[in-house]
Amino acid sequence: MQSANKENQFVVCISNQDYPASLEVRKIYQVIPDANATQHQMIRVIDESGEDYLYPSIYFVPIQLPKAAESAFSIAS
């Protein structure tokens, strides 16, 4: 799951099977780059707990947000 902008990558959740308390279908999540996770078909996202966790990458579809919207979806630095 690659994006031109390595700083801010976003995905939309398309499945929350096995994780209904942690993920919401149709919600946008910010990706935390993790090369090791990618090798195992996993993706690290900031979930409903506010923490980053690994989930199966098939639960998400990468999206590109307009620049004006990126700051609203990015985690605070």
N, C-alpha and C. Protein backbone atom coordinates (compact mmCIF):
# COMPACT_ATOMS: atom_id res chain seq x y z
N MET A 1 0.85 -1.16 0.00
CA MET A 1 0.00 0.00 0.00
C MET A 1 0.91 1.23 0.00
N GLN A 2 1.15 1.80 -1.13
CA GLN A 2 2.06 2.92 -1.27
C GLN A 2 1.31 4.17 -1.66
N SER A 3 1.83 5.30 -1.25
CA SER A 3 1.25 6.59 -1.59
C SER A 3 2.38 7.53 -1.92
N ALA A 4 2.13 8.50 -2.80
CA ALA A 4 3.15 9.47 -3.18
C ALA A 4 3.58 10.29 -1.97
N ASN A 5 2.69 10.59 -1.07
CA ASN A 5 2.99 11.38 0.10
C ASN A 5 3.24 10.44 1.28
N LYS A 6 4.51 10.22 1.60
CA LYS A 6 4.86 9.30 2.69
C LYS A 6 4.50 9.89 4.06
N GLU A 7 4.37 11.21 4.15
CA GLU A 7 4.09 11.86 5.41
C GLU A 7 2.68 11.58 5.90
N ASN A 8 1.70 11.75 5.05
CA ASN A 8 0.30 11.56 5.43
C ASN A 8 -0.37 10.59 4.46
N GLN A 9 -0.59 9.39 4.92
CA GLN A 9 -1.30 8.39 4.14
C GLN A 9 -2.61 8.10 4.85
N PHE A 10 -3.67 7.94 4.05
CA PHE A 10 -4.98 7.68 4.62
C PHE A 10 -5.64 6.51 3.91
N VAL A 11 -6.49 5.82 4.64
CA VAL A 11 -7.24 4.69 4.10
C VAL A 11 -8.67 4.78 4.58
N VAL A 12 -9.57 4.13 3.86
CA VAL A 12 -10.95 4.01 4.32
C VAL A 12 -11.17 2.55 4.69
N CYS A 13 -11.82 2.33 5.80
CA CYS A 13 -12.08 0.98 6.29
C CYS A 13 -13.25 0.38 5.50
N ILE A 14 -13.06 -0.82 4.97
CA ILE A 14 -14.13 -1.50 4.22
C ILE A 14 -14.61 -2.76 4.93
N SER A 15 -13.93 -3.13 6.02
CA SER A 15 -14.35 -4.30 6.81
C SER A 15 -13.82 -4.13 8.23
N ASN A 16 -14.62 -4.53 9.20
CA ASN A 16 -14.14 -4.53 10.59
C ASN A 16 -14.34 -5.90 11.24
N GLN A 17 -14.41 -6.93 10.40
CA GLN A 17 -14.58 -8.30 10.88
C GLN A 17 -13.52 -8.60 11.94
N ASP A 18 -13.92 -9.11 13.05
CA ASP A 18 -13.07 -9.44 14.19
C ASP A 18 -12.62 -8.22 15.00
N TYR A 19 -12.91 -6.99 14.54
CA TYR A 19 -12.49 -5.79 15.25
C TYR A 19 -13.59 -4.73 15.32
N PRO A 20 -14.84 -5.10 15.61
CA PRO A 20 -15.93 -4.11 15.57
C PRO A 20 -15.79 -2.97 16.58
N ALA A 21 -15.10 -3.20 17.69
CA ALA A 21 -14.92 -2.13 18.68
C ALA A 21 -13.77 -1.20 18.32
N SER A 22 -12.89 -1.65 17.44
CA SER A 22 -11.69 -0.88 17.11
C SER A 22 -11.76 -0.15 15.78
N LEU A 23 -12.57 -0.66 14.85
CA LEU A 23 -12.65 -0.08 13.51
C LEU A 23 -14.09 0.18 13.12
N GLU A 24 -14.32 1.27 12.39
CA GLU A 24 -15.64 1.58 11.87
C GLU A 24 -15.60 1.52 10.34
N VAL A 25 -16.49 0.75 9.75
CA VAL A 25 -16.58 0.66 8.30
C VAL A 25 -16.96 2.04 7.76
N ARG A 26 -16.36 2.42 6.64
CA ARG A 26 -16.54 3.69 5.95
C ARG A 26 -15.86 4.87 6.63
N LYS A 27 -15.05 4.62 7.65
CA LYS A 27 -14.34 5.70 8.33
C LYS A 27 -12.93 5.82 7.77
N ILE A 28 -12.42 7.04 7.74
CA ILE A 28 -11.06 7.31 7.25
C ILE A 28 -10.09 7.20 8.43
N TYR A 29 -8.99 6.48 8.19
CA TYR A 29 -7.95 6.30 9.20
C TYR A 29 -6.61 6.74 8.64
N GLN A 30 -5.77 7.29 9.53
CA GLN A 30 -4.41 7.65 9.14
C GLN A 30 -3.50 6.44 9.29
N VAL A 31 -2.64 6.25 8.31
CA VAL A 31 -1.69 5.14 8.29
C VAL A 31 -0.38 5.58 8.93
N ILE A 32 0.19 4.72 9.74
CA ILE A 32 1.53 4.90 10.29
C ILE A 32 2.44 3.96 9.48
N PRO A 33 3.39 4.51 8.71
CA PRO A 33 4.26 3.64 7.90
C PRO A 33 4.95 2.58 8.75
N ASP A 34 4.92 1.34 8.26
CA ASP A 34 5.52 0.20 8.96
C ASP A 34 5.88 -0.85 7.91
N ALA A 35 7.12 -0.82 7.46
CA ALA A 35 7.58 -1.73 6.40
C ALA A 35 7.45 -3.19 6.82
N ASN A 36 7.72 -3.50 8.06
CA ASN A 36 7.61 -4.88 8.55
C ASN A 36 6.17 -5.37 8.47
N ALA A 37 5.23 -4.52 8.86
CA ALA A 37 3.81 -4.89 8.79
C ALA A 37 3.39 -5.16 7.35
N THR A 38 3.84 -4.31 6.44
CA THR A 38 3.49 -4.45 5.02
C THR A 38 3.94 -5.81 4.49
N GLN A 39 5.09 -6.28 4.91
CA GLN A 39 5.59 -7.58 4.47
C GLN A 39 4.67 -8.72 4.89
N HIS A 40 3.86 -8.49 5.91
CA HIS A 40 2.96 -9.51 6.43
C HIS A 40 1.50 -9.23 6.11
N GLN A 41 1.28 -8.39 5.07
CA GLN A 41 -0.06 -8.01 4.61
C GLN A 41 -0.89 -7.37 5.72
N MET A 42 -0.20 -6.59 6.55
CA MET A 42 -0.85 -5.86 7.64
C MET A 42 -0.64 -4.37 7.41
N ILE A 43 -1.42 -3.56 8.11
CA ILE A 43 -1.30 -2.11 8.02
C ILE A 43 -1.46 -1.55 9.43
N ARG A 44 -0.67 -0.53 9.74
CA ARG A 44 -0.73 0.11 11.06
C ARG A 44 -1.54 1.39 10.93
N VAL A 45 -2.64 1.48 11.66
CA VAL A 45 -3.49 2.68 11.63
C VAL A 45 -3.79 3.15 13.05
N ILE A 46 -4.16 4.42 13.15
CA ILE A 46 -4.64 4.97 14.41
C ILE A 46 -6.12 4.58 14.49
N ASP A 47 -6.46 3.71 15.43
CA ASP A 47 -7.84 3.20 15.49
C ASP A 47 -8.70 3.99 16.47
N GLU A 48 -9.85 3.46 16.83
CA GLU A 48 -10.80 4.15 17.70
C GLU A 48 -10.27 4.40 19.11
N SER A 49 -9.25 3.67 19.51
CA SER A 49 -8.66 3.88 20.83
C SER A 49 -7.73 5.09 20.85
N GLY A 50 -7.39 5.58 19.65
CA GLY A 50 -6.44 6.69 19.55
C GLY A 50 -5.01 6.23 19.49
N GLU A 51 -4.80 4.93 19.53
CA GLU A 51 -3.47 4.33 19.46
C GLU A 51 -3.29 3.66 18.10
N ASP A 52 -2.03 3.39 17.73
CA ASP A 52 -1.80 2.70 16.46
C ASP A 52 -1.67 1.20 16.70
N TYR A 53 -2.38 0.45 15.85
CA TYR A 53 -2.38 -1.01 15.92
C TYR A 53 -2.34 -1.59 14.52
N LEU A 54 -1.95 -2.85 14.44
CA LEU A 54 -1.90 -3.55 13.16
C LEU A 54 -3.23 -4.23 12.87
N TYR A 55 -3.63 -4.14 11.60
CA TYR A 55 -4.84 -4.80 11.11
C TYR A 55 -4.54 -5.38 9.73
N PRO A 56 -5.32 -6.37 9.29
CA PRO A 56 -5.14 -6.90 7.94
C PRO A 56 -5.34 -5.79 6.90
N SER A 57 -4.41 -5.68 5.97
CA SER A 57 -4.48 -4.61 4.96
C SER A 57 -5.71 -4.75 4.05
N ILE A 58 -6.29 -5.96 3.96
CA ILE A 58 -7.48 -6.13 3.12
C ILE A 58 -8.70 -5.45 3.70
N TYR A 59 -8.62 -4.97 4.93
CA TYR A 59 -9.73 -4.26 5.57
C TYR A 59 -9.79 -2.79 5.14
N PHE A 60 -8.82 -2.35 4.33
CA PHE A 60 -8.69 -0.94 3.99
C PHE A 60 -8.43 -0.72 2.51
N VAL A 61 -8.82 0.45 2.03
CA VAL A 61 -8.53 0.89 0.67
C VAL A 61 -7.84 2.25 0.79
N PRO A 62 -6.68 2.42 0.13
CA PRO A 62 -5.99 3.71 0.20
C PRO A 62 -6.79 4.80 -0.51
N ILE A 63 -6.74 6.00 0.04
CA ILE A 63 -7.43 7.14 -0.57
C ILE A 63 -6.49 8.34 -0.55
N GLN A 64 -6.78 9.31 -1.41
CA GLN A 64 -6.04 10.57 -1.40
C GLN A 64 -7.00 11.67 -0.99
N LEU A 65 -6.64 12.39 0.04
CA LEU A 65 -7.46 13.49 0.51
C LEU A 65 -7.00 14.79 -0.15
N PRO A 66 -7.90 15.71 -0.36
CA PRO A 66 -7.49 17.04 -0.81
C PRO A 66 -6.57 17.66 0.25
N LYS A 67 -5.60 18.45 -0.17
CA LYS A 67 -4.66 19.07 0.77
C LYS A 67 -5.39 19.79 1.90
N ALA A 68 -6.47 20.48 1.58
CA ALA A 68 -7.21 21.24 2.59
C ALA A 68 -7.79 20.34 3.67
N ALA A 69 -8.04 19.08 3.37
CA ALA A 69 -8.64 18.16 4.34
C ALA A 69 -7.60 17.37 5.13
N GLU A 70 -6.37 17.29 4.62
CA GLU A 70 -5.36 16.46 5.28
C GLU A 70 -5.13 16.86 6.72
N SER A 71 -5.06 18.15 7.02
CA SER A 71 -4.79 18.58 8.39
C SER A 71 -5.91 18.17 9.34
N ALA A 72 -7.14 18.14 8.84
CA ALA A 72 -8.26 17.75 9.69
C ALA A 72 -8.21 16.27 10.06
N PHE A 73 -7.59 15.44 9.21
CA PHE A 73 -7.53 14.01 9.45
C PHE A 73 -6.20 13.55 10.03
N SER A 74 -5.19 14.41 10.03
CA SER A 74 -3.87 14.04 10.55
C SER A 74 -3.87 14.06 12.07
N ILE A 75 -3.07 13.18 12.65
CA ILE A 75 -2.94 13.20 14.10
C ILE A 75 -2.14 14.43 14.50
N ALA A 76 -2.40 14.95 15.67
CA ALA A 76 -1.68 16.13 16.14
C ALA A 76 -0.22 15.77 16.40
N SER A 77 0.65 16.66 15.98
CA SER A 77 2.10 16.43 16.18
C SER A 77 2.57 17.01 17.49
